[in-house]
């Protein structure tokens, strides 16, 4: 049995969520990783621990507290309502927020490792050539950290595609709005529709493997030229 319309809808929504989340994670995670890689602040341990929390917390715990915070009585919920945005739970925007938090360490940690691996010497050499902080970052640090950026992109995208607990808690199961592939597979299994579950799960396994293979091959190619 081929994939039906709800399955294709869930795949499209998942790819949109993963792509947008990964792009936002790179924007948000890069300055955090840069700060963690170079700061001597006493807050480094605290910030690093907060970023890494999703690695050890159950996804349902993260989803529950995000649901409370973004609900009508939560601080975030009251703020978004005051802005006229409304409530984020059970919306695509809510899925994005949850995915950002849940996948944050999978982007920040590879970036931090890449920035730390650069060392101080290239940055100091750029400074002696009168390069400003922004010039040094964009023309020296980012190119040298390219393998780490590729790794962060891979992990951020793949981790978002595989989300279940967080997206189910925050987004529920609304077709076309919050029903992603993992939830769609769960629905098929729960309804004993194993044939449909096999088509969807098997297709995602093949797709994910191809994406990871291409990205890792690209990473090796970049590393060889750095």
N, C-alpha and C. Protein backbone atom coordinates (compact mmCIF):
# COMPACT_ATOMS: atom_id res chain seq x y z
N UNK A 1 0.86 -1.20 0.00
CA UNK A 1 0.00 0.00 0.00
C UNK A 1 0.89 1.24 0.00
N UNK A 2 0.77 2.09 -1.01
CA UNK A 2 1.60 3.30 -1.06
C UNK A 2 1.18 4.30 -0.01
N UNK A 3 1.99 5.32 0.12
CA UNK A 3 1.68 6.38 1.09
C UNK A 3 0.44 7.13 0.66
N UNK A 4 -0.45 7.39 1.61
CA UNK A 4 -1.66 8.13 1.29
C UNK A 4 -1.46 9.61 1.57
N UNK A 5 -2.50 10.40 1.37
CA UNK A 5 -2.40 11.85 1.51
C UNK A 5 -1.99 12.29 2.91
N UNK A 6 -2.57 11.73 3.99
CA UNK A 6 -2.13 12.13 5.33
C UNK A 6 -0.65 11.82 5.58
N UNK A 7 -0.16 10.70 5.03
CA UNK A 7 1.25 10.36 5.20
C UNK A 7 2.13 11.39 4.52
N UNK A 8 1.80 11.73 3.29
CA UNK A 8 2.58 12.72 2.54
C UNK A 8 2.53 14.08 3.22
N UNK A 9 1.38 14.39 3.78
CA UNK A 9 1.22 15.66 4.51
C UNK A 9 2.12 15.69 5.73
N UNK A 10 2.20 14.56 6.44
CA UNK A 10 3.06 14.47 7.62
C UNK A 10 4.54 14.57 7.24
N UNK A 11 4.93 13.95 6.13
CA UNK A 11 6.31 14.04 5.67
C UNK A 11 6.67 15.48 5.33
N UNK A 12 5.80 16.15 4.60
CA UNK A 12 6.05 17.54 4.22
C UNK A 12 6.19 18.43 5.44
N UNK A 13 5.30 18.25 6.40
CA UNK A 13 5.34 19.06 7.62
C UNK A 13 6.62 18.79 8.41
N UNK A 14 7.04 17.53 8.45
CA UNK A 14 8.25 17.17 9.17
C UNK A 14 9.48 17.81 8.54
N UNK A 15 9.56 17.77 7.22
CA UNK A 15 10.70 18.37 6.53
C UNK A 15 10.71 19.88 6.70
N UNK A 16 9.54 20.51 6.67
CA UNK A 16 9.46 21.95 6.90
C UNK A 16 9.92 22.29 8.32
N UNK A 17 9.47 21.50 9.29
CA UNK A 17 9.85 21.73 10.69
C UNK A 17 11.35 21.55 10.89
N UNK A 18 11.90 20.47 10.33
CA UNK A 18 13.32 20.20 10.50
C UNK A 18 14.19 21.25 9.82
N UNK A 19 13.79 21.68 8.65
CA UNK A 19 14.57 22.68 7.91
C UNK A 19 14.57 24.02 8.63
N UNK A 20 13.39 24.47 9.05
CA UNK A 20 13.29 25.76 9.74
C UNK A 20 14.00 25.70 11.09
N UNK A 21 13.81 24.61 11.82
CA UNK A 21 14.45 24.47 13.13
C UNK A 21 15.97 24.47 13.00
N UNK A 22 16.49 23.75 12.02
CA UNK A 22 17.94 23.69 11.83
C UNK A 22 18.51 25.06 11.50
N UNK A 23 17.84 25.80 10.62
CA UNK A 23 18.30 27.14 10.25
C UNK A 23 18.31 28.06 11.48
N UNK A 24 17.25 28.01 12.26
CA UNK A 24 17.18 28.85 13.45
C UNK A 24 18.19 28.43 14.51
N UNK A 25 18.41 27.12 14.62
CA UNK A 25 19.39 26.63 15.59
C UNK A 25 20.80 27.10 15.25
N UNK A 26 21.13 27.15 13.97
CA UNK A 26 22.45 27.64 13.58
C UNK A 26 22.61 29.12 13.92
N UNK A 27 21.53 29.88 13.75
CA UNK A 27 21.58 31.31 14.07
C UNK A 27 21.67 31.52 15.58
N UNK A 28 20.88 30.78 16.34
CA UNK A 28 20.86 30.94 17.79
C UNK A 28 22.06 30.25 18.44
N UNK A 29 22.40 29.06 17.95
CA UNK A 29 23.43 28.26 18.59
C UNK A 29 24.84 28.73 18.35
N UNK A 30 25.10 29.39 17.21
CA UNK A 30 26.47 29.81 16.90
C UNK A 30 27.02 30.80 17.91
N UNK A 31 26.31 31.89 18.25
CA UNK A 31 26.87 32.80 19.27
C UNK A 31 26.98 32.15 20.64
N UNK A 32 26.06 31.25 20.98
CA UNK A 32 26.16 30.55 22.27
C UNK A 32 27.41 29.69 22.29
N UNK A 33 27.64 28.95 21.20
CA UNK A 33 28.81 28.08 21.12
C UNK A 33 30.10 28.89 21.14
N UNK A 34 30.11 30.02 20.44
CA UNK A 34 31.29 30.88 20.41
C UNK A 34 31.61 31.40 21.81
N UNK A 35 30.56 31.82 22.52
CA UNK A 35 30.76 32.32 23.89
C UNK A 35 31.28 31.22 24.80
N UNK A 36 30.68 30.04 24.72
CA UNK A 36 31.11 28.92 25.56
C UNK A 36 32.54 28.50 25.26
N UNK A 37 32.94 28.65 23.99
CA UNK A 37 34.29 28.23 23.60
C UNK A 37 35.36 29.20 24.06
N UNK A 38 35.00 30.47 24.32
CA UNK A 38 36.03 31.47 24.60
C UNK A 38 35.88 32.18 25.94
N UNK A 39 34.75 32.02 26.60
CA UNK A 39 34.56 32.76 27.85
C UNK A 39 35.31 32.12 29.01
N UNK A 40 35.65 32.97 29.97
CA UNK A 40 36.22 32.51 31.23
C UNK A 40 35.27 32.83 32.38
N UNK A 41 34.04 33.14 32.04
CA UNK A 41 33.05 33.52 33.03
C UNK A 41 32.69 32.33 33.92
N UNK A 42 32.34 32.62 35.16
CA UNK A 42 31.90 31.59 36.08
C UNK A 42 30.56 31.02 35.67
N UNK A 43 29.86 31.72 34.79
CA UNK A 43 28.56 31.25 34.33
C UNK A 43 28.67 30.19 33.23
N UNK A 44 29.88 29.95 32.75
CA UNK A 44 30.05 29.00 31.64
C UNK A 44 29.49 27.62 31.99
N UNK A 45 29.78 27.14 33.18
CA UNK A 45 29.29 25.82 33.58
C UNK A 45 27.77 25.77 33.65
N UNK A 46 27.17 26.85 34.17
CA UNK A 46 25.71 26.89 34.29
C UNK A 46 25.07 26.93 32.92
N UNK A 47 25.57 27.80 32.04
CA UNK A 47 25.01 27.91 30.70
C UNK A 47 25.19 26.60 29.94
N UNK A 48 26.37 26.01 30.05
CA UNK A 48 26.62 24.74 29.37
C UNK A 48 25.69 23.64 29.86
N UNK A 49 25.42 23.62 31.17
CA UNK A 49 24.52 22.61 31.73
C UNK A 49 23.09 22.82 31.25
N UNK A 50 22.66 24.08 31.18
CA UNK A 50 21.30 24.38 30.71
C UNK A 50 21.14 23.96 29.25
N UNK A 51 22.15 24.27 28.44
CA UNK A 51 22.10 23.89 27.02
C UNK A 51 22.02 22.37 26.86
N UNK A 52 22.73 21.64 27.73
CA UNK A 52 22.81 20.19 27.61
C UNK A 52 21.65 19.45 28.28
N UNK A 53 20.78 20.16 28.98
CA UNK A 53 19.67 19.50 29.69
C UNK A 53 18.84 18.56 28.81
N UNK A 54 18.51 18.95 27.57
CA UNK A 54 17.71 18.03 26.73
C UNK A 54 18.37 16.68 26.46
N UNK A 55 19.68 16.58 26.70
CA UNK A 55 20.36 15.31 26.49
C UNK A 55 19.98 14.29 27.56
N UNK A 56 19.59 14.75 28.74
CA UNK A 56 19.32 13.84 29.84
C UNK A 56 17.86 13.85 30.30
N UNK A 57 17.13 14.91 30.00
CA UNK A 57 15.72 14.97 30.40
C UNK A 57 14.85 14.17 29.43
N UNK A 58 13.85 13.45 29.94
CA UNK A 58 12.90 12.78 29.04
C UNK A 58 12.17 13.82 28.19
N UNK A 59 11.93 13.52 26.92
CA UNK A 59 11.24 14.49 26.06
C UNK A 59 9.88 14.92 26.60
N UNK A 60 9.18 14.00 27.28
CA UNK A 60 7.87 14.36 27.83
C UNK A 60 7.99 15.39 28.94
N UNK A 61 9.09 15.38 29.69
CA UNK A 61 9.29 16.38 30.74
C UNK A 61 9.47 17.76 30.09
N UNK A 62 10.32 17.81 29.05
CA UNK A 62 10.52 19.08 28.35
C UNK A 62 9.20 19.56 27.75
N UNK A 63 8.49 18.64 27.10
CA UNK A 63 7.22 19.00 26.48
C UNK A 63 6.20 19.49 27.49
N UNK A 64 6.16 18.85 28.67
CA UNK A 64 5.20 19.24 29.70
C UNK A 64 5.45 20.66 30.19
N UNK A 65 6.72 20.96 30.52
CA UNK A 65 7.01 22.29 31.05
C UNK A 65 6.88 23.37 29.98
N UNK A 66 7.19 23.03 28.74
CA UNK A 66 6.95 24.00 27.67
C UNK A 66 5.46 24.25 27.49
N UNK A 67 4.68 23.18 27.62
CA UNK A 67 3.23 23.32 27.51
C UNK A 67 2.69 24.23 28.61
N UNK A 68 3.22 24.07 29.83
CA UNK A 68 2.79 24.92 30.95
C UNK A 68 3.22 26.37 30.71
N UNK A 69 4.48 26.57 30.30
CA UNK A 69 4.99 27.93 30.08
C UNK A 69 4.25 28.65 28.95
N UNK A 70 3.91 27.92 27.90
CA UNK A 70 3.28 28.54 26.74
C UNK A 70 1.76 28.50 26.81
N UNK A 71 1.22 27.92 27.89
CA UNK A 71 -0.23 27.86 28.06
C UNK A 71 -0.81 29.20 28.48
N UNK A 72 -2.11 29.27 28.63
CA UNK A 72 -2.77 30.56 28.95
C UNK A 72 -2.34 31.16 30.28
N UNK A 73 -1.90 30.34 31.23
CA UNK A 73 -1.47 30.85 32.54
C UNK A 73 0.04 30.90 32.69
N UNK A 74 0.78 30.52 31.66
CA UNK A 74 2.23 30.54 31.73
C UNK A 74 2.80 31.90 31.35
N UNK A 75 4.03 32.14 31.75
CA UNK A 75 4.66 33.43 31.46
C UNK A 75 4.76 33.68 29.96
N UNK A 76 5.20 32.67 29.23
CA UNK A 76 5.32 32.83 27.78
C UNK A 76 3.95 32.98 27.14
N UNK A 77 2.97 32.22 27.62
CA UNK A 77 1.62 32.31 27.08
C UNK A 77 1.00 33.68 27.28
N UNK A 78 1.19 34.24 28.47
CA UNK A 78 0.66 35.58 28.74
C UNK A 78 1.34 36.62 27.85
N UNK A 79 2.66 36.42 27.64
CA UNK A 79 3.41 37.37 26.81
C UNK A 79 2.95 37.31 25.36
N UNK A 80 2.81 36.10 24.81
CA UNK A 80 2.38 35.98 23.40
C UNK A 80 0.94 36.48 23.21
N UNK A 81 0.12 36.28 24.23
CA UNK A 81 -1.25 36.81 24.13
C UNK A 81 -1.26 38.33 24.17
N UNK A 82 -0.39 38.90 25.00
CA UNK A 82 -0.30 40.36 25.08
C UNK A 82 0.18 40.95 23.76
N UNK A 83 1.02 40.20 23.05
CA UNK A 83 1.51 40.65 21.74
C UNK A 83 0.49 40.44 20.63
N UNK A 84 -0.59 39.76 20.94
CA UNK A 84 -1.61 39.48 19.93
C UNK A 84 -1.30 38.26 19.08
N UNK A 85 -0.29 37.49 19.49
CA UNK A 85 0.09 36.29 18.72
C UNK A 85 -0.82 35.11 19.06
N UNK A 86 -1.34 35.11 20.27
CA UNK A 86 -2.13 33.97 20.72
C UNK A 86 -1.26 32.96 21.42
N UNK A 87 -1.80 31.80 21.64
CA UNK A 87 -1.08 30.74 22.33
C UNK A 87 -0.32 29.87 21.33
N UNK A 88 0.86 29.40 21.73
CA UNK A 88 1.71 28.61 20.85
C UNK A 88 1.42 27.11 20.86
N UNK A 89 0.95 26.54 21.99
CA UNK A 89 0.68 25.10 21.96
C UNK A 89 -0.33 24.72 20.86
N UNK A 90 -0.10 23.55 20.26
CA UNK A 90 -0.95 23.01 19.21
C UNK A 90 -0.94 23.85 17.95
N UNK A 91 0.22 24.50 17.72
CA UNK A 91 0.45 25.24 16.48
C UNK A 91 1.82 24.86 15.93
N UNK A 92 2.05 25.16 14.66
CA UNK A 92 3.35 24.88 14.06
C UNK A 92 4.43 25.71 14.74
N UNK A 93 4.12 26.95 15.11
CA UNK A 93 5.09 27.80 15.81
C UNK A 93 5.50 27.17 17.13
N UNK A 94 4.54 26.56 17.82
CA UNK A 94 4.85 25.88 19.07
C UNK A 94 5.79 24.70 18.85
N UNK A 95 5.58 23.97 17.74
CA UNK A 95 6.48 22.87 17.40
C UNK A 95 7.90 23.38 17.17
N UNK A 96 8.02 24.53 16.51
CA UNK A 96 9.34 25.10 16.25
C UNK A 96 10.05 25.45 17.56
N UNK A 97 9.32 26.07 18.48
CA UNK A 97 9.90 26.44 19.77
C UNK A 97 10.37 25.20 20.52
N UNK A 98 9.52 24.18 20.57
CA UNK A 98 9.89 22.95 21.24
C UNK A 98 11.08 22.27 20.59
N UNK A 99 11.11 22.27 19.27
CA UNK A 99 12.21 21.65 18.54
C UNK A 99 13.52 22.40 18.76
N UNK A 100 13.45 23.72 18.84
CA UNK A 100 14.65 24.52 19.09
C UNK A 100 15.28 24.14 20.43
N UNK A 101 14.47 24.02 21.44
CA UNK A 101 14.99 23.70 22.77
C UNK A 101 15.48 22.25 22.82
N UNK A 102 14.70 21.35 22.24
CA UNK A 102 15.04 19.93 22.32
C UNK A 102 16.30 19.58 21.54
N UNK A 103 16.54 20.26 20.43
CA UNK A 103 17.70 19.94 19.58
C UNK A 103 18.88 20.89 19.80
N UNK A 104 18.74 21.84 20.70
CA UNK A 104 19.80 22.84 20.90
C UNK A 104 21.17 22.22 21.19
N UNK A 105 21.30 21.27 22.10
CA UNK A 105 22.66 20.75 22.38
C UNK A 105 23.28 20.02 21.20
N UNK A 106 22.47 19.49 20.30
CA UNK A 106 22.99 18.76 19.15
C UNK A 106 23.61 19.70 18.12
N UNK A 107 23.34 20.99 18.27
CA UNK A 107 23.95 22.00 17.40
C UNK A 107 25.05 22.75 18.13
N UNK A 108 24.80 23.13 19.37
CA UNK A 108 25.76 23.94 20.12
C UNK A 108 27.04 23.17 20.40
N UNK A 109 26.94 21.93 20.83
CA UNK A 109 28.14 21.19 21.23
C UNK A 109 29.12 20.94 20.07
N UNK A 110 28.66 20.52 18.88
CA UNK A 110 29.62 20.40 17.77
C UNK A 110 30.25 21.73 17.38
N UNK A 111 29.46 22.80 17.43
CA UNK A 111 29.99 24.13 17.11
C UNK A 111 31.02 24.56 18.15
N UNK A 112 30.71 24.32 19.42
CA UNK A 112 31.65 24.68 20.48
C UNK A 112 32.96 23.92 20.33
N UNK A 113 32.88 22.63 20.04
CA UNK A 113 34.09 21.83 19.85
C UNK A 113 34.90 22.33 18.66
N UNK A 114 34.21 22.74 17.60
CA UNK A 114 34.90 23.24 16.41
C UNK A 114 35.60 24.57 16.70
N UNK A 115 34.93 25.45 17.43
CA UNK A 115 35.54 26.74 17.77
C UNK A 115 36.73 26.56 18.71
N UNK A 116 36.61 25.63 19.66
CA UNK A 116 37.72 25.38 20.58
C UNK A 116 38.91 24.78 19.86
N UNK A 117 38.64 23.97 18.82
CA UNK A 117 39.72 23.32 18.08
C UNK A 117 40.53 24.32 17.25
N UNK A 118 39.94 25.46 16.93
CA UNK A 118 40.66 26.47 16.14
C UNK A 118 41.87 27.00 16.90
N UNK A 119 41.70 27.21 18.19
CA UNK A 119 42.79 27.76 18.99
C UNK A 119 42.86 29.28 18.88
N UNK A 120 43.78 29.87 19.59
CA UNK A 120 43.91 31.32 19.62
C UNK A 120 44.80 31.86 18.51
N UNK A 121 45.71 31.04 18.00
CA UNK A 121 46.72 31.55 17.07
C UNK A 121 46.13 32.14 15.79
N UNK A 122 45.20 31.47 15.08
CA UNK A 122 44.64 32.09 13.88
C UNK A 122 43.91 33.40 14.17
N UNK A 123 43.24 33.46 15.30
CA UNK A 123 42.53 34.69 15.66
C UNK A 123 43.50 35.82 15.98
N UNK A 124 44.57 35.49 16.67
CA UNK A 124 45.58 36.50 16.98
C UNK A 124 46.30 36.97 15.72
N UNK A 125 46.54 36.05 14.78
CA UNK A 125 47.17 36.42 13.51
C UNK A 125 46.29 37.38 12.73
N UNK A 126 44.98 37.13 12.74
CA UNK A 126 44.06 38.04 12.06
C UNK A 126 44.05 39.41 12.72
N UNK A 127 44.15 39.43 14.05
CA UNK A 127 44.15 40.70 14.78
C UNK A 127 45.39 41.52 14.44
N UNK A 128 46.53 40.84 14.25
CA UNK A 128 47.75 41.57 13.89
C UNK A 128 47.65 42.19 12.51
N UNK A 129 46.77 41.66 11.68
CA UNK A 129 46.53 42.22 10.35
C UNK A 129 45.42 43.26 10.36
N UNK A 130 45.06 43.70 11.57
CA UNK A 130 44.06 44.75 11.79
C UNK A 130 42.65 44.32 11.42
N UNK A 131 42.39 43.05 11.49
CA UNK A 131 41.02 42.57 11.26
C UNK A 131 40.20 42.79 12.53
N UNK A 132 39.02 43.33 12.36
CA UNK A 132 38.14 43.55 13.50
C UNK A 132 37.54 42.25 13.98
N UNK A 133 36.85 42.28 15.13
CA UNK A 133 36.24 41.06 15.67
C UNK A 133 35.27 40.39 14.70
N UNK A 134 34.44 41.21 14.03
CA UNK A 134 33.48 40.63 13.10
C UNK A 134 34.18 40.05 11.87
N UNK A 135 35.17 40.76 11.36
CA UNK A 135 35.94 40.24 10.21
C UNK A 135 36.63 38.93 10.58
N UNK A 136 37.22 38.90 11.75
CA UNK A 136 37.91 37.69 12.20
C UNK A 136 36.95 36.52 12.31
N UNK A 137 35.76 36.80 12.84
CA UNK A 137 34.78 35.72 13.03
C UNK A 137 34.32 35.16 11.69
N UNK A 138 33.96 36.06 10.76
CA UNK A 138 33.36 35.60 9.51
C UNK A 138 34.40 35.11 8.49
N UNK A 139 35.59 35.67 8.52
CA UNK A 139 36.59 35.30 7.51
C UNK A 139 37.61 34.27 7.99
N UNK A 140 37.72 34.12 9.31
CA UNK A 140 38.70 33.16 9.85
C UNK A 140 38.01 32.04 10.62
N UNK A 141 37.23 32.40 11.64
CA UNK A 141 36.66 31.39 12.54
C UNK A 141 35.65 30.49 11.82
N UNK A 142 34.69 31.08 11.12
CA UNK A 142 33.67 30.28 10.47
C UNK A 142 34.22 29.33 9.41
N UNK A 143 35.12 29.80 8.52
CA UNK A 143 35.69 28.84 7.55
C UNK A 143 36.44 27.70 8.21
N UNK A 144 37.20 27.98 9.28
CA UNK A 144 37.93 26.93 9.96
C UNK A 144 37.00 25.97 10.71
N UNK A 145 35.85 26.48 11.10
CA UNK A 145 34.90 25.65 11.85
C UNK A 145 33.89 24.96 10.93
N UNK A 146 34.11 24.99 9.64
CA UNK A 146 33.14 24.45 8.69
C UNK A 146 32.79 22.99 8.96
N UNK A 147 33.74 22.11 9.24
CA UNK A 147 33.36 20.72 9.55
C UNK A 147 32.40 20.62 10.74
N UNK A 148 32.64 21.44 11.75
CA UNK A 148 31.74 21.44 12.90
C UNK A 148 30.37 21.98 12.55
N UNK A 149 30.32 22.96 11.66
CA UNK A 149 29.03 23.51 11.23
C UNK A 149 28.24 22.45 10.48
N UNK A 150 28.92 21.69 9.63
CA UNK A 150 28.25 20.62 8.88
C UNK A 150 27.73 19.56 9.84
N UNK A 151 28.54 19.18 10.82
CA UNK A 151 28.11 18.20 11.81
C UNK A 151 26.90 18.71 12.59
N UNK A 152 26.94 19.98 12.99
CA UNK A 152 25.82 20.56 13.73
C UNK A 152 24.55 20.56 12.88
N UNK A 153 24.70 20.84 11.60
CA UNK A 153 23.54 20.83 10.70
C UNK A 153 22.96 19.42 10.58
N UNK A 154 23.85 18.44 10.43
CA UNK A 154 23.40 17.05 10.33
C UNK A 154 22.63 16.63 11.57
N UNK A 155 23.23 16.86 12.73
CA UNK A 155 22.62 16.41 13.97
C UNK A 155 21.33 17.17 14.27
N UNK A 156 21.33 18.47 14.03
CA UNK A 156 20.13 19.26 14.28
C UNK A 156 18.97 18.82 13.41
N UNK A 157 19.23 18.61 12.13
CA UNK A 157 18.18 18.20 11.20
C UNK A 157 17.68 16.80 11.53
N UNK A 158 18.61 15.85 11.69
CA UNK A 158 18.23 14.46 11.94
C UNK A 158 17.49 14.31 13.27
N UNK A 159 17.94 15.04 14.28
CA UNK A 159 17.30 14.94 15.59
C UNK A 159 15.89 15.50 15.55
N UNK A 160 15.68 16.57 14.80
CA UNK A 160 14.35 17.15 14.69
C UNK A 160 13.41 16.23 13.94
N UNK A 161 13.91 15.59 12.89
CA UNK A 161 13.08 14.64 12.14
C UNK A 161 12.60 13.51 13.04
N UNK A 162 13.45 13.08 13.97
CA UNK A 162 13.11 11.94 14.82
C UNK A 162 12.36 12.27 16.09
N UNK A 163 11.97 13.50 16.29
CA UNK A 163 11.27 13.88 17.52
C UNK A 163 9.92 13.18 17.64
N UNK A 164 9.55 12.86 18.87
CA UNK A 164 8.21 12.31 19.11
C UNK A 164 7.58 12.89 20.37
N UNK A 165 8.22 12.64 21.53
CA UNK A 165 7.62 13.04 22.79
C UNK A 165 7.34 14.53 22.90
N UNK A 166 8.32 15.36 22.52
CA UNK A 166 8.16 16.81 22.64
C UNK A 166 7.08 17.32 21.71
N UNK A 167 7.12 16.90 20.45
CA UNK A 167 6.14 17.41 19.48
C UNK A 167 4.73 16.92 19.81
N UNK A 168 4.61 15.72 20.35
CA UNK A 168 3.28 15.22 20.71
C UNK A 168 2.72 15.99 21.89
N UNK A 169 3.56 16.33 22.85
CA UNK A 169 3.10 17.07 24.03
C UNK A 169 2.69 18.49 23.66
N UNK A 170 3.50 19.13 22.81
CA UNK A 170 3.25 20.54 22.48
C UNK A 170 2.26 20.71 21.34
N UNK A 171 2.41 19.86 20.32
CA UNK A 171 1.60 20.04 19.11
C UNK A 171 0.35 19.19 19.04
N UNK A 172 0.31 18.13 19.85
CA UNK A 172 -0.83 17.23 19.74
C UNK A 172 -0.78 16.44 18.45
N UNK A 173 -1.92 16.26 17.84
CA UNK A 173 -2.03 15.40 16.66
C UNK A 173 -3.04 15.99 15.68
N UNK A 174 -2.72 17.19 15.19
CA UNK A 174 -3.64 17.90 14.30
C UNK A 174 -3.17 17.71 12.85
N UNK A 175 -3.95 17.04 12.01
CA UNK A 175 -3.53 16.80 10.62
C UNK A 175 -3.25 18.10 9.88
N UNK A 176 -2.10 18.12 9.20
CA UNK A 176 -1.74 19.28 8.40
C UNK A 176 -1.17 20.44 9.18
N UNK A 177 -1.23 20.38 10.50
CA UNK A 177 -0.74 21.49 11.32
C UNK A 177 0.37 21.06 12.29
N UNK A 178 0.16 19.94 12.97
CA UNK A 178 1.16 19.50 13.96
C UNK A 178 1.46 18.01 13.87
N UNK A 179 0.80 17.28 12.99
CA UNK A 179 1.02 15.84 12.91
C UNK A 179 2.25 15.56 12.05
N UNK A 180 3.37 15.28 12.71
CA UNK A 180 4.62 14.99 12.01
C UNK A 180 4.73 13.49 11.78
N UNK A 181 5.81 13.07 11.12
CA UNK A 181 5.96 11.68 10.72
C UNK A 181 5.94 10.73 11.92
N UNK A 182 6.66 11.07 12.98
CA UNK A 182 6.71 10.17 14.14
C UNK A 182 5.33 9.94 14.74
N UNK A 183 4.52 10.99 14.79
CA UNK A 183 3.16 10.86 15.31
C UNK A 183 2.29 10.08 14.35
N UNK A 184 2.48 10.28 13.04
CA UNK A 184 1.71 9.55 12.04
C UNK A 184 2.00 8.05 12.11
N UNK A 185 3.26 7.70 12.30
CA UNK A 185 3.62 6.29 12.45
C UNK A 185 2.96 5.72 13.70
N UNK A 186 3.00 6.46 14.79
CA UNK A 186 2.35 6.03 16.03
C UNK A 186 0.86 5.78 15.81
N UNK A 187 0.21 6.67 15.07
CA UNK A 187 -1.22 6.50 14.79
C UNK A 187 -1.48 5.21 14.01
N UNK A 188 -0.63 4.95 13.00
CA UNK A 188 -0.79 3.73 12.21
C UNK A 188 -0.63 2.48 13.08
N UNK A 189 0.38 2.49 13.94
CA UNK A 189 0.62 1.33 14.80
C UNK A 189 -0.52 1.16 15.80
N UNK A 190 -0.97 2.27 16.35
CA UNK A 190 -2.06 2.21 17.32
C UNK A 190 -3.33 1.66 16.69
N UNK A 191 -3.54 1.96 15.39
CA UNK A 191 -4.71 1.46 14.67
C UNK A 191 -4.46 0.10 14.03
N UNK A 192 -3.31 -0.51 14.34
CA UNK A 192 -2.91 -1.81 13.79
C UNK A 192 -2.77 -1.77 12.27
N UNK A 193 -2.45 -0.60 11.74
CA UNK A 193 -2.24 -0.45 10.30
C UNK A 193 -0.74 -0.62 10.01
N UNK A 194 -0.26 -1.83 10.16
CA UNK A 194 1.17 -2.09 10.07
C UNK A 194 1.71 -1.89 8.66
N UNK A 195 0.90 -2.16 7.66
CA UNK A 195 1.36 -1.97 6.28
C UNK A 195 1.69 -0.50 6.02
N UNK A 196 0.77 0.39 6.42
CA UNK A 196 1.02 1.82 6.26
C UNK A 196 2.20 2.28 7.10
N UNK A 197 2.32 1.72 8.32
CA UNK A 197 3.44 2.08 9.18
C UNK A 197 4.76 1.66 8.55
N UNK A 198 4.79 0.47 7.92
CA UNK A 198 6.00 0.00 7.26
C UNK A 198 6.40 0.92 6.11
N UNK A 199 5.43 1.31 5.30
CA UNK A 199 5.73 2.20 4.17
C UNK A 199 6.32 3.52 4.65
N UNK A 200 5.68 4.10 5.65
CA UNK A 200 6.12 5.41 6.14
C UNK A 200 7.44 5.32 6.88
N UNK A 201 7.55 4.36 7.80
CA UNK A 201 8.78 4.22 8.58
C UNK A 201 9.95 3.81 7.69
N UNK A 202 9.72 2.85 6.80
CA UNK A 202 10.79 2.41 5.90
C UNK A 202 11.25 3.52 4.98
N UNK A 203 10.31 4.31 4.49
CA UNK A 203 10.68 5.44 3.62
C UNK A 203 11.50 6.47 4.34
N UNK A 204 11.15 6.73 5.60
CA UNK A 204 11.91 7.71 6.38
C UNK A 204 13.29 7.18 6.73
N UNK A 205 13.40 5.86 6.96
CA UNK A 205 14.72 5.29 7.24
C UNK A 205 15.64 5.46 6.03
N UNK A 206 15.12 5.15 4.86
CA UNK A 206 15.92 5.27 3.63
C UNK A 206 16.28 6.74 3.38
N UNK A 207 15.29 7.62 3.52
CA UNK A 207 15.54 9.05 3.30
C UNK A 207 16.58 9.59 4.27
N UNK A 208 16.44 9.24 5.55
CA UNK A 208 17.38 9.72 6.56
C UNK A 208 18.78 9.21 6.30
N UNK A 209 18.88 7.94 5.89
CA UNK A 209 20.19 7.37 5.61
C UNK A 209 20.86 8.09 4.44
N UNK A 210 20.09 8.37 3.38
CA UNK A 210 20.65 9.06 2.22
C UNK A 210 21.12 10.46 2.60
N UNK A 211 20.30 11.18 3.36
CA UNK A 211 20.67 12.53 3.79
C UNK A 211 21.94 12.51 4.63
N UNK A 212 21.99 11.59 5.60
CA UNK A 212 23.17 11.51 6.46
C UNK A 212 24.41 11.10 5.67
N UNK A 213 24.24 10.18 4.72
CA UNK A 213 25.38 9.74 3.91
C UNK A 213 25.93 10.89 3.09
N UNK A 214 25.04 11.65 2.45
CA UNK A 214 25.48 12.79 1.65
C UNK A 214 26.14 13.85 2.51
N UNK A 215 25.56 14.13 3.66
CA UNK A 215 26.12 15.16 4.53
C UNK A 215 27.46 14.75 5.11
N UNK A 216 27.58 13.50 5.54
CA UNK A 216 28.85 13.05 6.09
C UNK A 216 29.93 12.96 5.02
N UNK A 217 29.53 12.59 3.81
CA UNK A 217 30.49 12.58 2.71
C UNK A 217 30.98 14.00 2.42
N UNK A 218 30.04 14.96 2.46
CA UNK A 218 30.42 16.35 2.28
C UNK A 218 31.32 16.85 3.37
N UNK A 219 31.07 16.38 4.61
CA UNK A 219 31.92 16.78 5.74
C UNK A 219 33.35 16.27 5.56
N UNK A 220 33.50 15.03 5.11
CA UNK A 220 34.84 14.49 4.89
C UNK A 220 35.55 15.25 3.79
N UNK A 221 34.78 15.65 2.77
CA UNK A 221 35.37 16.40 1.67
C UNK A 221 35.86 17.77 2.14
N UNK A 222 35.02 18.42 2.99
CA UNK A 222 35.40 19.73 3.51
C UNK A 222 36.62 19.61 4.40
N UNK A 223 36.64 18.58 5.27
CA UNK A 223 37.76 18.39 6.18
C UNK A 223 39.05 18.19 5.41
N UNK A 224 38.98 17.49 4.30
CA UNK A 224 40.17 17.22 3.51
C UNK A 224 40.74 18.47 2.88
N UNK A 225 39.90 19.50 2.70
CA UNK A 225 40.36 20.73 2.06
C UNK A 225 40.67 21.83 3.05
N UNK A 226 40.37 21.60 4.35
CA UNK A 226 40.64 22.63 5.35
C UNK A 226 42.12 22.60 5.74
